[in-house]
Amino acid sequence: GGRNSVGPVLFDVVGRPIASVEGFRYSDTLLGMGTEGGTWSYENLYEFLIKPRDFAPGTKMTFSGLRKEEDRLNLLAYFQTLSASPVASPQ
C-alpha cells in the first residue's frame, strides 16, 4: 500500500502498467507509454534507473539515475520486497 508522494507508490511496481497509479500526475511521456501497453518490467525499470530522461524523454522525474550497475540491481531486488507476490527476477 502506501500513498503517493514525490513519486507514485512503488508497492507492486514490477509488472505494473506504466503510469497506472491512481492519483499521481504523470508526464505525458509516461502516460503515453502506459496507454501503449508498456509495463514496468525488470528490463524497463533497469533502463529507467540508468537515466530516466533517456528512457522517457520529457519525464518530470528530476532523479538523474544510478550510475553503478550494482546499485540498480540492488534497487530491483528491493522492489521484490515491495510485493506480496513478487515477479521472479530474470537470470
Protein backbone atom coordinates (compact mmCIF):
# COMPACT_ATOMS: atom_id res chain seq x y z
CA GLY A 1 0.00 0.00 0.00
CA GLY A 2 1.19 3.40 0.98
CA ARG A 3 0.42 6.70 -0.64
CA ASN A 4 1.85 8.77 -3.45
CA SER A 5 4.41 11.38 -2.52
CA VAL A 6 7.13 12.85 -4.75
CA GLY A 7 6.65 9.74 -6.88
CA PRO A 8 3.93 7.11 -7.19
CA VAL A 9 3.60 4.25 -4.72
CA LEU A 10 6.18 1.56 -5.53
CA PHE A 11 4.35 -1.40 -3.95
CA ASP A 12 3.89 -4.00 -6.72
CA VAL A 13 5.72 -1.79 -9.24
CA VAL A 14 7.30 -4.74 -11.10
CA GLY A 15 4.85 -5.92 -13.75
CA ARG A 16 2.53 -2.97 -13.28
CA PRO A 17 1.44 -0.92 -16.30
CA ILE A 18 3.47 2.28 -16.66
CA ALA A 19 1.69 5.41 -15.33
CA SER A 20 -1.14 3.47 -13.73
CA VAL A 21 -1.20 4.58 -10.09
CA GLU A 22 -4.41 6.44 -9.28
CA GLY A 23 -3.97 9.99 -8.11
CA PHE A 24 -0.41 10.52 -9.35
CA ARG A 25 0.22 13.15 -12.02
CA TYR A 26 2.48 11.55 -14.62
CA SER A 27 4.25 13.25 -17.50
CA ASP A 28 2.65 12.94 -20.93
CA THR A 29 5.56 10.70 -21.95
CA LEU A 30 4.90 8.13 -19.25
CA LEU A 31 1.14 8.36 -19.79
CA GLY A 32 1.71 7.57 -23.47
CA MET A 33 3.91 4.59 -22.60
CA GLY A 34 1.17 3.27 -20.33
CA THR A 35 -1.52 3.82 -22.95
CA GLU A 36 0.60 1.89 -25.45
CA GLY A 37 0.68 -1.09 -23.08
CA GLY A 38 4.11 -0.52 -21.51
CA THR A 39 4.79 -2.20 -18.21
CA TRP A 40 7.41 -1.79 -15.53
CA SER A 41 9.27 -4.99 -16.29
CA TYR A 42 12.66 -5.55 -14.69
CA GLU A 43 14.24 -4.60 -18.02
CA ASN A 44 12.28 -1.35 -18.30
CA LEU A 45 12.95 -0.44 -14.68
CA TYR A 46 16.66 -1.16 -15.15
CA GLU A 47 16.82 1.14 -18.19
CA PHE A 48 14.78 3.83 -16.42
CA LEU A 49 17.14 3.71 -13.44
CA ILE A 50 20.18 4.30 -15.65
CA LYS A 51 18.86 7.69 -16.73
CA PRO A 52 15.11 8.38 -16.55
CA ARG A 53 15.24 11.19 -19.12
CA ASP A 54 16.80 8.88 -21.71
CA PHE A 55 14.21 6.16 -21.09
CA ALA A 56 11.29 8.61 -21.09
CA PRO A 57 12.21 11.90 -22.80
CA GLY A 58 10.04 14.63 -21.33
CA THR A 59 9.58 12.91 -17.99
CA LYS A 60 9.08 15.20 -14.99
CA MET A 61 11.39 12.97 -12.96
CA THR A 62 14.26 15.03 -11.59
CA PHE A 63 16.22 11.96 -10.46
CA SER A 64 19.31 11.74 -12.65
CA GLY A 65 19.74 7.95 -12.40
CA LEU A 66 22.05 5.42 -10.81
CA ARG A 67 25.50 5.14 -12.39
CA LYS A 68 26.54 1.88 -10.77
CA GLU A 69 25.05 -1.34 -12.07
CA GLU A 70 25.26 -2.83 -8.57
CA ASP A 71 23.05 -0.03 -7.23
CA ARG A 72 20.46 -0.61 -9.95
CA LEU A 73 20.42 -4.36 -9.32
CA ASN A 74 20.11 -3.83 -5.56
CA LEU A 75 17.16 -1.49 -6.07
CA LEU A 76 15.45 -4.02 -8.34
CA ALA A 77 15.99 -6.69 -5.67
CA TYR A 78 14.46 -4.31 -3.11
CA PHE A 79 11.40 -3.88 -5.33
CA GLN A 80 10.78 -7.63 -4.91
CA THR A 81 10.24 -7.00 -1.19
CA LEU A 82 7.51 -4.49 -2.03
CA SER A 83 5.05 -7.12 -3.22
CA ALA A 84 3.00 -9.86 -1.64
CA SER A 85 3.54 -11.87 -4.86
CA PRO A 86 6.85 -10.69 -6.36
CA VAL A 87 7.58 -11.19 -10.04
CA ALA A 88 10.53 -13.55 -10.45
CA SER A 89 13.68 -11.68 -11.40
CA PRO A 90 15.39 -12.53 -14.69
CA GLN A 91 18.53 -14.61 -14.51
